[in-house]
Amino acid sequence: MADVLVYVLHYEGAFNKNSLGAVSEAAAKAAEIGGKASAVVVGGDDLTDSLCATLGEYGASKVYRAKGTAGLAQPVVDVLAKVIDDGDYKYVIFGGGLLGFEIGAGLAARKHAGVTMEVTGIKAEGGELLAERPILGDSQISVSKYKGDLGIIIGRINAFEIKKGSGSAEVVDVEVEYSGFSNDAQLLERGASGGGEEVDIEGADILIAGGRGLGKAESFELCQDLAKAFGGNSAVAATRAVVDAGWFPYSGQIGQTGKTVAPKLYLAAGISGAIQHKVGMQGSENIVAINKDANAPIFEFSDLGIVGDLNKILPKLTEAIKAKKG
């Protein structure tokens, strides 16, 4: 057997969507190597039986629940180490994010395990799991194979697709003797990331992204107006060059040094489409690009390309969306 364990992050009674994607991926890959996927959750009374059991809808056969401080890495490392020691788990998968990186690194040190970060794909081969991650500026793919008894796979944000079905997971309470240092730190509050106003782009269904082609910071109003016209779960994002210029907050940056997104619609306004930006948005379902340069690289991987002046096109598109919705 080669069972897979997944840490699932939660907040205010809801599971993190990147964690749910990791559960779906773990369940699919575990099945390919003859194993099962189980989840680990750490927190307080908000982790009810009914909530934990819903992880079965994403492929978890069992959910290990431990009382502890949610949002801190070391208590989770203790819980994962306990579950691994008591079970037969060969791999641990994380959905990504800063906390996932910290927990994964701590668990790797604790268990002397191999670890691969920023993973964008997992494949089963010869009864084992291999992790794929971009290297050399995302121009090549590196494949990791694990020598020891445990392999730790930490995904890039939005790398794993959520697949929801039916089913209910068995919930098992775990008693853990926490390390002396694990609870020395205290979580005082959750705050926005640095870099100015917080922009939620990872969960958006529609993203209007602006690049240097906008010409000036004030032109982001065109993107904001279009996002408002779409309504619903829409947001505005930006490229690194724009963020570095101070036109937009860092929390809204997409790309190799920013966030990875996978909306249903990605509209790129004035974005050339450099490889560093492409890796952050290439998982989008539909990509529409507006650029006055007909040879812009972004047109090579767009579903629809519009060659023209975005300062004229965006306002007309905004009015068209408003008229259609009206």
C-alpha atoms as a PDB file:
ATOM      1  CA  MET A   1       0.000   0.000   0.000  1.00  0.00           C
ATOM      2  CA  ALA A   2       1.116   3.552  -0.723  1.00  0.00           C
ATOM      3  CA  ASP A   3      -1.331   5.809   1.095  1.00  0.00           C
ATOM      4  CA  VAL A   4      -1.259   9.593   0.793  1.00  0.00           C
ATOM      5  CA  LEU A   5      -1.837  12.158   3.523  1.00  0.00           C
ATOM      6  CA  VAL A   6      -3.028  15.742   2.941  1.00  0.00           C
ATOM      7  CA  TYR A   7      -3.022  18.686   5.329  1.00  0.00           C
ATOM      8  CA  VAL A   8      -6.234  20.706   4.949  1.00  0.00           C
ATOM      9  CA  LEU A   9      -6.240  24.328   6.042  1.00  0.00           C
ATOM     10  CA  HIS A  10      -9.496  25.891   7.235  1.00  0.00           C
ATOM     11  CA  TYR A  11     -10.746  29.299   8.329  1.00  0.00           C
ATOM     12  CA  GLU A  12     -14.096  30.383   9.761  1.00  0.00           C
ATOM     13  CA  GLY A  13     -15.829  27.088   9.090  1.00  0.00           C
ATOM     14  CA  ALA A  14     -14.645  26.641   5.509  1.00  0.00           C
ATOM     15  CA  PHE A  15     -11.809  24.630   3.983  1.00  0.00           C
ATOM     16  CA  ASN A  16      -9.161  26.355   1.890  1.00  0.00           C
ATOM     17  CA  LYS A  17      -9.746  25.765  -1.816  1.00  0.00           C
ATOM     18  CA  ASN A  18      -6.077  24.954  -2.496  1.00  0.00           C
ATOM     19  CA  SER A  19      -6.286  22.284   0.196  1.00  0.00           C
ATOM     20  CA  LEU A  20      -9.411  20.856  -1.411  1.00  0.00           C
ATOM     21  CA  GLY A  21      -7.556  20.685  -4.715  1.00  0.00           C
ATOM     22  CA  ALA A  22      -4.755  18.824  -2.961  1.00  0.00           C
ATOM     23  CA  VAL A  23      -7.248  16.314  -1.521  1.00  0.00           C
ATOM     24  CA  SER A  24      -8.709  15.703  -4.985  1.00  0.00           C
ATOM     25  CA  GLU A  25      -5.256  15.252  -6.489  1.00  0.00           C
ATOM     26  CA  ALA A  26      -4.118  12.977  -3.653  1.00  0.00           C
ATOM     27  CA  ALA A  27      -7.186  10.768  -4.004  1.00  0.00           C
ATOM     28  CA  ALA A  28      -6.704  10.400  -7.757  1.00  0.00           C
ATOM     29  CA  LYS A  29      -2.975   9.647  -7.566  1.00  0.00           C
ATOM     30  CA  ALA A  30      -3.288   7.347  -4.554  1.00  0.00           C
ATOM     31  CA  ALA A  31      -5.791   5.253  -6.480  1.00  0.00           C
ATOM     32  CA  GLU A  32      -3.284   4.915  -9.332  1.00  0.00           C
ATOM     33  CA  ILE A  33      -0.660   3.395  -7.011  1.00  0.00           C
ATOM     34  CA  GLY A  34      -3.064   1.197  -5.062  1.00  0.00           C
ATOM     35  CA  GLY A  35      -3.542   3.403  -2.014  1.00  0.00           C
ATOM     36  CA  LYS A  36      -6.007   5.773  -0.402  1.00  0.00           C
ATOM     37  CA  ALA A  37      -5.974   9.432   0.541  1.00  0.00           C
ATOM     38  CA  SER A  38      -6.594  10.718   4.070  1.00  0.00           C
ATOM     39  CA  ALA A  39      -6.748  14.265   5.404  1.00  0.00           C
ATOM     40  CA  VAL A  40      -5.452  15.950   8.550  1.00  0.00           C
ATOM     41  CA  VAL A  41      -7.154  18.969  10.140  1.00  0.00           C
ATOM     42  CA  VAL A  42      -6.043  20.907  13.201  1.00  0.00           C
ATOM     43  CA  GLY A  43      -8.175  23.412  15.075  1.00  0.00           C
ATOM     44  CA  GLY A  44     -10.915  23.978  17.616  1.00  0.00           C
ATOM     45  CA  ASP A  45     -14.602  23.344  18.036  1.00  0.00           C
ATOM     46  CA  ASP A  46     -15.408  24.712  14.577  1.00  0.00           C
ATOM     47  CA  LEU A  47     -14.095  21.440  13.115  1.00  0.00           C
ATOM     48  CA  THR A  48     -17.381  19.596  13.557  1.00  0.00           C
ATOM     49  CA  ASP A  49     -18.008  15.995  12.550  1.00  0.00           C
ATOM     50  CA  SER A  50     -20.258  17.072   9.697  1.00  0.00           C
ATOM     51  CA  LEU A  51     -17.749  19.589   8.336  1.00  0.00           C
ATOM     52  CA  CYS A  52     -14.824  17.162   8.458  1.00  0.00           C
ATOM     53  CA  ALA A  53     -16.879  14.401   6.844  1.00  0.00           C
ATOM     54  CA  THR A  54     -17.461  16.604   3.771  1.00  0.00           C
ATOM     55  CA  LEU A  55     -13.821  16.044   2.788  1.00  0.00           C
ATOM     56  CA  GLY A  56     -15.035  12.648   1.599  1.00  0.00           C
ATOM     57  CA  GLU A  57     -16.722  14.495  -1.270  1.00  0.00           C
ATOM     58  CA  TYR A  58     -13.253  15.410  -2.532  1.00  0.00           C
ATOM     59  CA  GLY A  59     -11.808  11.916  -2.184  1.00  0.00           C
ATOM     60  CA  ALA A  60     -10.605  11.581   1.406  1.00  0.00           C
ATOM     61  CA  SER A  61     -11.429   8.204   2.916  1.00  0.00           C
ATOM     62  CA  LYS A  62     -10.522   9.288   6.445  1.00  0.00           C
ATOM     63  CA  VAL A  63     -10.051  12.594   8.278  1.00  0.00           C
ATOM     64  CA  TYR A  64      -7.719  12.824  11.280  1.00  0.00           C
ATOM     65  CA  ARG A  65      -8.807  15.661  13.577  1.00  0.00           C
ATOM     66  CA  ALA A  66      -6.620  17.115  16.314  1.00  0.00           C
ATOM     67  CA  LYS A  67      -7.213  19.899  18.831  1.00  0.00           C
ATOM     68  CA  GLY A  68      -4.670  22.645  18.336  1.00  0.00           C
ATOM     69  CA  THR A  69      -4.012  26.188  17.197  1.00  0.00           C
ATOM     70  CA  ALA A  70      -5.020  26.658  13.569  1.00  0.00           C
ATOM     71  CA  GLY A  71      -2.719  28.860  11.534  1.00  0.00           C
ATOM     72  CA  LEU A  72       0.549  27.862  13.238  1.00  0.00           C
ATOM     73  CA  ALA A  73       3.028  25.488  11.613  1.00  0.00           C
ATOM     74  CA  GLN A  74       4.670  23.576  14.479  1.00  0.00           C
ATOM     75  CA  PRO A  75       1.512  22.089  16.050  1.00  0.00           C
ATOM     76  CA  VAL A  76       0.535  20.783  12.605  1.00  0.00           C
ATOM     77  CA  VAL A  77       3.992  19.228  12.155  1.00  0.00           C
ATOM     78  CA  ASP A  78       3.464  17.362  15.446  1.00  0.00           C
ATOM     79  CA  VAL A  79       0.067  16.079  14.340  1.00  0.00           C
ATOM     80  CA  LEU A  80       1.261  14.987  10.905  1.00  0.00           C
ATOM     81  CA  ALA A  81       4.289  13.205  12.397  1.00  0.00           C
ATOM     82  CA  LYS A  82       1.991  11.355  14.831  1.00  0.00           C
ATOM     83  CA  VAL A  83      -0.395  10.226  12.065  1.00  0.00           C
ATOM     84  CA  ILE A  84       2.487   9.139   9.839  1.00  0.00           C
ATOM     85  CA  ASP A  85       4.120   7.161  12.636  1.00  0.00           C
ATOM     86  CA  ASP A  86       0.848   5.384  13.455  1.00  0.00           C
ATOM     87  CA  GLY A  87      -0.097   4.682   9.836  1.00  0.00           C
ATOM     88  CA  ASP A  88       1.329   3.595   6.522  1.00  0.00           C
ATOM     89  CA  TYR A  89       1.740   6.833   4.602  1.00  0.00           C
ATOM     90  CA  LYS A  90       4.342   7.216   1.911  1.00  0.00           C
ATOM     91  CA  TYR A  91       3.497  10.715   0.696  1.00  0.00           C
ATOM     92  CA  VAL A  92       2.199  13.972   2.154  1.00  0.00           C
ATOM     93  CA  ILE A  93       0.693  16.598  -0.148  1.00  0.00           C
ATOM     94  CA  PHE A  94       0.099  20.288   0.574  1.00  0.00           C
ATOM     95  CA  GLY A  95      -1.977  22.660  -1.529  1.00  0.00           C
ATOM     96  CA  GLY A  96       0.544  25.492  -1.429  1.00  0.00           C
ATOM     97  CA  GLY A  97       0.701  28.865   0.278  1.00  0.00           C
ATOM     98  CA  LEU A  98       3.126  30.199   2.876  1.00  0.00           C
ATOM     99  CA  LEU A  99       1.793  28.047   5.722  1.00  0.00           C
ATOM    100  CA  GLY A 100       2.000  24.927   3.562  1.00  0.00           C
ATOM    101  CA  PHE A 101       5.632  25.696   2.757  1.00  0.00           C
ATOM    102  CA  GLU A 102       6.468  26.179   6.428  1.00  0.00           C
ATOM    103  CA  ILE A 103       4.703  23.015   7.590  1.00  0.00           C
ATOM    104  CA  GLY A 104       6.102  20.944   4.738  1.00  0.00           C
ATOM    105  CA  ALA A 105       9.662  22.090   5.426  1.00  0.00           C
ATOM    106  CA  GLY A 106       9.276  21.428   9.149  1.00  0.00           C
ATOM    107  CA  LEU A 107       7.865  17.951   8.525  1.00  0.00           C
ATOM    108  CA  ALA A 108      10.672  17.153   6.086  1.00  0.00           C
ATOM    109  CA  ALA A 109      13.259  18.088   8.724  1.00  0.00           C
ATOM    110  CA  ARG A 110      11.429  16.116  11.427  1.00  0.00           C
ATOM    111  CA  LYS A 111      11.064  12.945   9.347  1.00  0.00           C
ATOM    112  CA  HIS A 112      14.276  13.262   7.282  1.00  0.00           C
ATOM    113  CA  ALA A 113      12.100  13.168   4.169  1.00  0.00           C
ATOM    114  CA  GLY A 114      12.578  14.391   0.637  1.00  0.00           C
ATOM    115  CA  VAL A 115      10.586  17.519  -0.206  1.00  0.00           C
ATOM    116  CA  THR A 116       9.668  19.264  -3.461  1.00  0.00           C
ATOM    117  CA  MET A 117       8.148  22.756  -3.469  1.00  0.00           C
ATOM    118  CA  GLU A 118       6.256  24.757  -6.124  1.00  0.00           C
ATOM    119  CA  VAL A 119       4.975  21.511  -7.661  1.00  0.00           C
ATOM    120  CA  THR A 120       2.668  21.979 -10.643  1.00  0.00           C
ATOM    121  CA  GLY A 121       1.982  18.322 -11.452  1.00  0.00           C
ATOM    122  CA  ILE A 122       2.080  14.839  -9.925  1.00  0.00           C
ATOM    123  CA  LYS A 123       2.264  11.618 -11.894  1.00  0.00           C
ATOM    124  CA  ALA A 124       2.148   7.965 -10.912  1.00  0.00           C
ATOM    125  CA  GLU A 125       4.835   5.703 -12.301  1.00  0.00           C
ATOM    126  CA  GLY A 126       5.877   2.212 -11.248  1.00  0.00           C
ATOM    127  CA  GLY A 127       3.785   2.323  -8.094  1.00  0.00           C
ATOM    128  CA  GLU A 128       5.368   5.591  -6.967  1.00  0.00           C
ATOM    129  CA  LEU A 129       4.504   9.280  -7.176  1.00  0.00           C
ATOM    130  CA  LEU A 130       6.765  11.715  -8.990  1.00  0.00           C
ATOM    131  CA  ALA A 131       6.582  15.485  -8.505  1.00  0.00           C
ATOM    132  CA  GLU A 132       6.995  17.945 -11.373  1.00  0.00           C
ATOM    133  CA  ARG A 133       8.108  21.519 -10.843  1.00  0.00           C
ATOM    134  CA  PRO A 134       9.237  24.280 -13.218  1.00  0.00           C
ATOM    135  CA  ILE A 135      12.903  25.328 -13.163  1.00  0.00           C
ATOM    136  CA  LEU A 136      15.167  27.752 -15.055  1.00  0.00           C
ATOM    137  CA  GLY A 137      12.633  30.534 -15.140  1.00  0.00           C
ATOM    138  CA  ASP A 138       9.844  28.023 -15.783  1.00  0.00           C
ATOM    139  CA  SER A 139      11.408  27.099 -19.115  1.00  0.00           C
ATOM    140  CA  GLN A 140      12.002  23.457 -18.110  1.00  0.00           C
ATOM    141  CA  ILE A 141      10.316  20.855 -15.892  1.00  0.00           C
ATOM    142  CA  SER A 142      12.197  19.003 -13.155  1.00  0.00           C
ATOM    143  CA  VAL A 143      10.917  15.612 -11.976  1.00  0.00           C
ATOM    144  CA  SER A 144      11.515  14.497  -8.381  1.00  0.00           C
ATOM    145  CA  LYS A 145      11.560  10.875  -7.232  1.00  0.00           C
ATOM    146  CA  TYR A 146      11.812  10.056  -3.523  1.00  0.00           C
ATOM    147  CA  LYS A 147      14.436   7.661  -2.159  1.00  0.00           C
ATOM    148  CA  GLY A 148      13.349   7.287   1.446  1.00  0.00           C
ATOM    149  CA  ASP A 149      10.198   6.158   3.199  1.00  0.00           C
ATOM    150  CA  LEU A 150       8.408   9.491   2.862  1.00  0.00           C
ATOM    151  CA  GLY A 151       8.001  12.055   0.095  1.00  0.00           C
ATOM    152  CA  ILE A 152       6.604  15.534   0.732  1.00  0.00           C
ATOM    153  CA  ILE A 153       4.958  17.368  -2.159  1.00  0.00           C
ATOM    154  CA  ILE A 154       4.048  21.043  -1.816  1.00  0.00           C
ATOM    155  CA  GLY A 155       2.015  22.418  -4.684  1.00  0.00           C
ATOM    156  CA  ARG A 156       2.074  25.821  -6.258  1.00  0.00           C
ATOM    157  CA  ILE A 157      -1.024  27.910  -5.538  1.00  0.00           C
ATOM    158  CA  ASN A 158      -3.967  26.710  -7.690  1.00  0.00           C
ATOM    159  CA  ALA A 159      -1.874  23.877  -9.133  1.00  0.00           C
ATOM    160  CA  PHE A 160      -4.406  21.152  -8.297  1.00  0.00           C
ATOM    161  CA  GLU A 161      -7.926  21.076  -9.648  1.00  0.00           C
ATOM    162  CA  ILE A 162     -10.808  20.644  -7.219  1.00  0.00           C
ATOM    163  CA  LYS A 163     -12.957  17.630  -8.116  1.00  0.00           C
ATOM    164  CA  LYS A 164     -16.068  17.287  -6.018  1.00  0.00           C
ATOM    165  CA  GLY A 165     -18.141  14.140  -5.991  1.00  0.00           C
ATOM    166  CA  SER A 166     -20.110  12.313  -3.352  1.00  0.00           C
ATOM    167  CA  GLY A 167     -19.117  10.450  -0.239  1.00  0.00           C
ATOM    168  CA  SER A 168     -18.467  10.961   3.455  1.00  0.00           C
ATOM    169  CA  ALA A 169     -15.130  10.533   5.173  1.00  0.00           C
ATOM    170  CA  GLU A 170     -14.631   8.718   8.472  1.00  0.00           C
ATOM    171  CA  VAL A 171     -13.596  11.183  11.197  1.00  0.00           C
ATOM    172  CA  VAL A 172     -10.938  10.012  13.669  1.00  0.00           C
ATOM    173  CA  ASP A 173      -9.834  12.090  16.649  1.00  0.00           C
ATOM    174  CA  VAL A 174      -6.082  12.118  17.275  1.00  0.00           C
ATOM    175  CA  GLU A 175      -4.516  12.740  20.674  1.00  0.00           C
ATOM    176  CA  VAL A 176      -1.150  14.437  20.265  1.00  0.00           C
ATOM    177  CA  GLU A 177       1.514  15.277  22.814  1.00  0.00           C
ATOM    178  CA  TYR A 178       2.803  18.542  21.418  1.00  0.00           C
ATOM    179  CA  SER A 179       6.501  19.355  21.474  1.00  0.00           C
ATOM    180  CA  GLY A 180       7.553  21.843  24.132  1.00  0.00           C
ATOM    181  CA  PHE A 181       8.293  24.536  21.558  1.00  0.00           C
ATOM    182  CA  SER A 182       5.241  23.969  19.352  1.00  0.00           C
ATOM    183  CA  ASN A 183       2.913  26.254  21.261  1.00  0.00           C
ATOM    184  CA  ASP A 184       5.439  28.923  22.201  1.00  0.00           C
ATOM    185  CA  ALA A 185       4.213  31.082  19.332  1.00  0.00           C
ATOM    186  CA  GLN A 186       0.737  32.594  19.468  1.00  0.00           C
ATOM    187  CA  LEU A 187      -1.514  33.637  16.613  1.00  0.00           C
ATOM    188  CA  LEU A 188      -2.690  37.127  17.557  1.00  0.00           C
ATOM    189  CA  GLU A 189      -4.570  38.079  14.412  1.00  0.00           C
ATOM    190  CA  ARG A 190      -4.878  37.384  10.713  1.00  0.00           C
ATOM    191  CA  GLY A 191      -3.932  40.325   8.536  1.00  0.00           C
ATOM    192  CA  ALA A 192      -3.491  41.276   4.916  1.00  0.00           C
ATOM    193  CA  SER A 193      -0.186  40.618   3.193  1.00  0.00           C
ATOM    194  CA  GLY A 194       2.246  43.461   2.759  1.00  0.00           C
ATOM    195  CA  GLY A 195       2.319  45.741  -0.231  1.00  0.00           C
ATOM    196  CA  GLY A 196      -0.707  47.934   0.284  1.00  0.00           C
ATOM    197  CA  GLU A 197      -4.361  47.187  -0.241  1.00  0.00           C
ATOM    198  CA  GLU A 198      -5.243  43.495  -0.173  1.00  0.00           C
ATOM    199  CA  VAL A 199      -6.537  42.188  -3.485  1.00  0.00           C
ATOM    200  CA  ASP A 200      -8.262  38.791  -3.604  1.00  0.00           C
ATOM    201  CA  ILE A 201      -7.436  37.331  -7.003  1.00  0.00           C
ATOM    202  CA  GLU A 202      -6.881  33.636  -6.297  1.00  0.00           C
ATOM    203  CA  GLY A 203     -10.549  32.845  -5.866  1.00  0.00           C
ATOM    204  CA  ALA A 204     -11.953  35.114  -8.586  1.00  0.00           C
ATOM    205  CA  ASP A 205     -13.958  33.641 -11.464  1.00  0.00           C
ATOM    206  CA  ILE A 206     -13.206  36.628 -13.688  1.00  0.00           C
ATOM    207  CA  LEU A 207      -9.905  38.519 -13.686  1.00  0.00           C
ATOM    208  CA  ILE A 208      -9.149  41.737 -15.535  1.00  0.00           C
ATOM    209  CA  ALA A 209      -5.356  42.023 -15.562  1.00  0.00           C
ATOM    210  CA  GLY A 210      -3.460  45.127 -16.569  1.00  0.00           C
ATOM    211  CA  GLY A 211       0.084  45.490 -17.845  1.00  0.00           C
ATOM    212  CA  ARG A 212       2.469  48.257 -18.902  1.00  0.00           C
ATOM    213  CA  GLY A 213       0.322  48.812 -21.979  1.00  0.00           C
ATOM    214  CA  LEU A 214      -2.092  50.726 -19.759  1.00  0.00           C
ATOM    215  CA  GLY A 215       0.459  53.529 -19.770  1.00  0.00           C
ATOM    216  CA  LYS A 216      -0.245  54.959 -16.307  1.00  0.00           C
ATOM    217  CA  ALA A 217      -1.661  53.999 -12.923  1.00  0.00           C
ATOM    218  CA  GLU A 218      -4.870  55.957 -13.511  1.00  0.00           C
ATOM    219  CA  SER A 219      -5.714  53.715 -16.453  1.00  0.00           C
ATOM    220  CA  PHE A 220      -6.409  50.873 -14.030  1.00  0.00           C
ATOM    221  CA  GLU A 221      -9.790  52.546 -13.604  1.00  0.00           C
ATOM    222  CA  LEU A 222     -10.660  51.044 -17.002  1.00  0.00           C
ATOM    223  CA  CYS A 223      -9.985  47.579 -15.584  1.00  0.00           C
ATOM    224  CA  GLN A 224     -11.887  48.360 -12.391  1.00  0.00           C
ATOM    225  CA  ASP A 225     -14.898  49.588 -14.365  1.00  0.00           C
ATOM    226  CA  LEU A 226     -14.942  46.419 -16.466  1.00  0.00           C
ATOM    227  CA  ALA A 227     -14.676  44.194 -13.391  1.00  0.00           C
ATOM    228  CA  LYS A 228     -17.595  46.057 -11.790  1.00  0.00           C
ATOM    229  CA  ALA A 229     -19.620  45.632 -14.977  1.00  0.00           C
ATOM    230  CA  PHE A 230     -19.096  41.877 -14.887  1.00  0.00           C
ATOM    231  CA  GLY A 231     -20.029  41.882 -11.199  1.00  0.00           C
ATOM    232  CA  GLY A 232     -20.139  38.696  -9.170  1.00  0.00           C
ATOM    233  CA  ASN A 233     -16.783  37.172  -8.303  1.00  0.00           C
ATOM    234  CA  SER A 234     -14.630  39.512 -10.412  1.00  0.00           C
ATOM    235  CA  ALA A 235     -11.332  41.190  -9.559  1.00  0.00           C
ATOM    236  CA  VAL A 236      -8.471  43.214 -11.025  1.00  0.00           C
ATOM    237  CA  ALA A 237      -4.870  42.003 -11.175  1.00  0.00           C
ATOM    238  CA  ALA A 238      -1.539  43.160 -12.567  1.00  0.00           C
ATOM    239  CA  THR A 239       1.878  42.167 -13.882  1.00  0.00           C
ATOM    240  CA  ARG A 240       5.132  42.500 -11.969  1.00  0.00           C
ATOM    241  CA  ALA A 241       6.279  45.503 -14.011  1.00  0.00           C
ATOM    242  CA  VAL A 242       3.130  47.365 -13.042  1.00  0.00           C
ATOM    243  CA  VAL A 243       3.482  46.457  -9.369  1.00  0.00           C
ATOM    244  CA  ASP A 244       7.166  47.454  -9.357  1.00  0.00           C
ATOM    245  CA  ALA A 245       6.161  50.811 -10.842  1.00  0.00           C
ATOM    246  CA  GLY A 246       3.821  51.359  -7.903  1.00  0.00           C
ATOM    247  CA  TRP A 247       0.664  51.334 -10.018  1.00  0.00           C
ATOM    248  CA  PHE A 248      -0.960  48.395  -8.206  1.00  0.00           C
ATOM    249  CA  PRO A 249      -0.617  46.526  -4.867  1.00  0.00           C
ATOM    250  CA  TYR A 250       1.714  43.539  -4.659  1.00  0.00           C
ATOM    251  CA  SER A 251      -1.140  41.329  -3.438  1.00  0.00           C
ATOM    252  CA  GLY A 252      -2.637  41.599  -6.926  1.00  0.00           C
ATOM    253  CA  GLN A 253       0.500  40.508  -8.802  1.00  0.00           C
ATOM    254  CA  ILE A 254       0.314  37.459 -11.060  1.00  0.00           C
ATOM    255  CA  GLY A 255       3.322  35.499 -12.250  1.00  0.00           C
ATOM    256  CA  GLN A 256       6.409  33.629 -11.195  1.00  0.00           C
ATOM    257  CA  THR A 257       7.097  35.983  -8.271  1.00  0.00           C
ATOM    258  CA  GLY A 258       3.422  36.653  -7.605  1.00  0.00           C
ATOM    259  CA  LYS A 259       0.312  34.497  -7.456  1.00  0.00           C
ATOM    260  CA  THR A 260      -0.956  31.679  -9.631  1.00  0.00           C
ATOM    261  CA  VAL A 261      -4.575  31.981 -10.730  1.00  0.00           C
ATOM    262  CA  ALA A 262      -7.047  29.874 -12.663  1.00  0.00           C
ATOM    263  CA  PRO A 263     -10.232  31.889 -13.272  1.00  0.00           C
ATOM    264  CA  LYS A 264     -12.960  31.001 -15.724  1.00  0.00           C
ATOM    265  CA  LEU A 265     -12.118  34.158 -17.697  1.00  0.00           C
ATOM    266  CA  TYR A 266      -8.767  35.948 -17.786  1.00  0.00           C
ATOM    267  CA  LEU A 267      -8.724  39.215 -19.726  1.00  0.00           C
ATOM    268  CA  ALA A 268      -5.227  40.604 -20.271  1.00  0.00           C
ATOM    269  CA  ALA A 269      -5.112  44.300 -21.101  1.00  0.00           C
ATOM    270  CA  GLY A 270      -1.779  45.634 -22.338  1.00  0.00           C
ATOM    271  CA  ILE A 271       0.173  42.557 -21.222  1.00  0.00           C
ATOM    272  CA  SER A 272       2.956  41.308 -23.505  1.00  0.00           C
ATOM    273  CA  GLY A 273       2.868  37.752 -22.149  1.00  0.00           C
ATOM    274  CA  ALA A 274       6.398  37.081 -20.854  1.00  0.00           C
ATOM    275  CA  ILE A 275       7.037  33.526 -19.624  1.00  0.00           C
ATOM    276  CA  GLN A 276       7.218  34.749 -16.014  1.00  0.00           C
ATOM    277  CA  HIS A 277       3.657  36.036 -16.298  1.00  0.00           C
ATOM    278  CA  LYS A 278       2.389  33.100 -18.337  1.00  0.00           C
ATOM    279  CA  VAL A 279       3.179  30.554 -15.626  1.00  0.00           C
ATOM    280  CA  GLY A 280       0.912  32.420 -13.233  1.00  0.00           C
ATOM    281  CA  MET A 281      -2.212  32.418 -15.404  1.00  0.00           C
ATOM    282  CA  GLN A 282      -1.901  29.704 -18.033  1.00  0.00           C
ATOM    283  CA  GLY A 283      -4.366  27.515 -16.122  1.00  0.00           C
ATOM    284  CA  SER A 284      -7.220  29.938 -16.865  1.00  0.00           C
ATOM    285  CA  GLU A 285     -10.193  28.355 -18.661  1.00  0.00           C
ATOM    286  CA  ASN A 286     -10.553  31.185 -21.183  1.00  0.00           C
ATOM    287  CA  ILE A 287      -7.872  33.753 -22.006  1.00  0.00           C
ATOM    288  CA  VAL A 288      -8.695  36.982 -23.863  1.00  0.00           C
ATOM    289  CA  ALA A 289      -5.880  39.391 -24.724  1.00  0.00           C
ATOM    290  CA  ILE A 290      -6.007  43.024 -25.855  1.00  0.00           C
ATOM    291  CA  ASN A 291      -2.769  44.484 -27.163  1.00  0.00           C
ATOM    292  CA  LYS A 292      -1.850  46.960 -29.892  1.00  0.00           C
ATOM    293  CA  ASP A 293       1.205  44.851 -30.788  1.00  0.00           C
ATOM    294  CA  ALA A 294       0.053  42.075 -33.112  1.00  0.00           C
ATOM    295  CA  ASN A 295       3.283  40.170 -32.366  1.00  0.00           C
ATOM    296  CA  ALA A 296       2.861  40.161 -28.585  1.00  0.00           C
ATOM    297  CA  PRO A 297       3.707  36.679 -27.170  1.00  0.00           C
ATOM    298  CA  ILE A 298       0.437  36.546 -25.243  1.00  0.00           C
ATOM    299  CA  PHE A 299      -1.506  35.989 -28.448  1.00  0.00           C
ATOM    300  CA  GLU A 300       0.255  32.628 -28.838  1.00  0.00           C
ATOM    301  CA  PHE A 301      -1.632  31.126 -25.890  1.00  0.00           C
ATOM    302  CA  SER A 302      -4.823  33.199 -25.882  1.00  0.00           C
ATOM    303  CA  ASP A 303      -8.220  31.807 -26.849  1.00  0.00           C
ATOM    304  CA  LEU A 304      -9.187  35.192 -28.298  1.00  0.00           C
ATOM    305  CA  GLY A 305      -6.845  37.995 -29.288  1.00  0.00           C
ATOM    306  CA  ILE A 306      -7.823  41.601 -30.029  1.00  0.00           C
ATOM    307  CA  VAL A 307      -5.290  43.866 -31.707  1.00  0.00           C
ATOM    308  CA  GLY A 308      -6.102  47.466 -30.897  1.00  0.00           C
ATOM    309  CA  ASP A 309      -6.038  50.375 -28.461  1.00  0.00           C
ATOM    310  CA  LEU A 310      -7.185  49.158 -25.048  1.00  0.00           C
ATOM    311  CA  ASN A 311      -8.089  52.729 -24.069  1.00  0.00           C
ATOM    312  CA  LYS A 312     -10.836  52.576 -26.680  1.00  0.00           C
ATOM    313  CA  ILE A 313     -11.713  48.883 -26.427  1.00  0.00           C
ATOM    314  CA  LEU A 314     -12.120  48.545 -22.655  1.00  0.00           C
ATOM    315  CA  PRO A 315     -14.722  51.332 -22.277  1.00  0.00           C
ATOM    316  CA  LYS A 316     -16.752  49.922 -25.174  1.00  0.00           C
ATOM    317  CA  LEU A 317     -16.537  46.416 -23.733  1.00  0.00           C
ATOM    318  CA  THR A 318     -17.652  47.758 -20.344  1.00  0.00           C
ATOM    319  CA  GLU A 319     -20.685  49.428 -21.880  1.00  0.00           C
ATOM    320  CA  ALA A 320     -21.501  46.300 -23.865  1.00  0.00           C
ATOM    321  CA  ILE A 321     -21.396  44.164 -20.705  1.00  0.00           C
ATOM    322  CA  LYS A 322     -23.627  46.648 -18.868  1.00  0.00           C
ATOM    323  CA  ALA A 323     -26.115  46.685 -21.749  1.00  0.00           C
ATOM    324  CA  LYS A 324     -26.167  42.910 -21.944  1.00  0.00           C
ATOM    325  CA  LYS A 325     -26.761  42.544 -18.205  1.00  0.00           C
ATOM    326  CA  GLY A 326     -29.285  45.358 -18.190  1.00  0.00           C
END
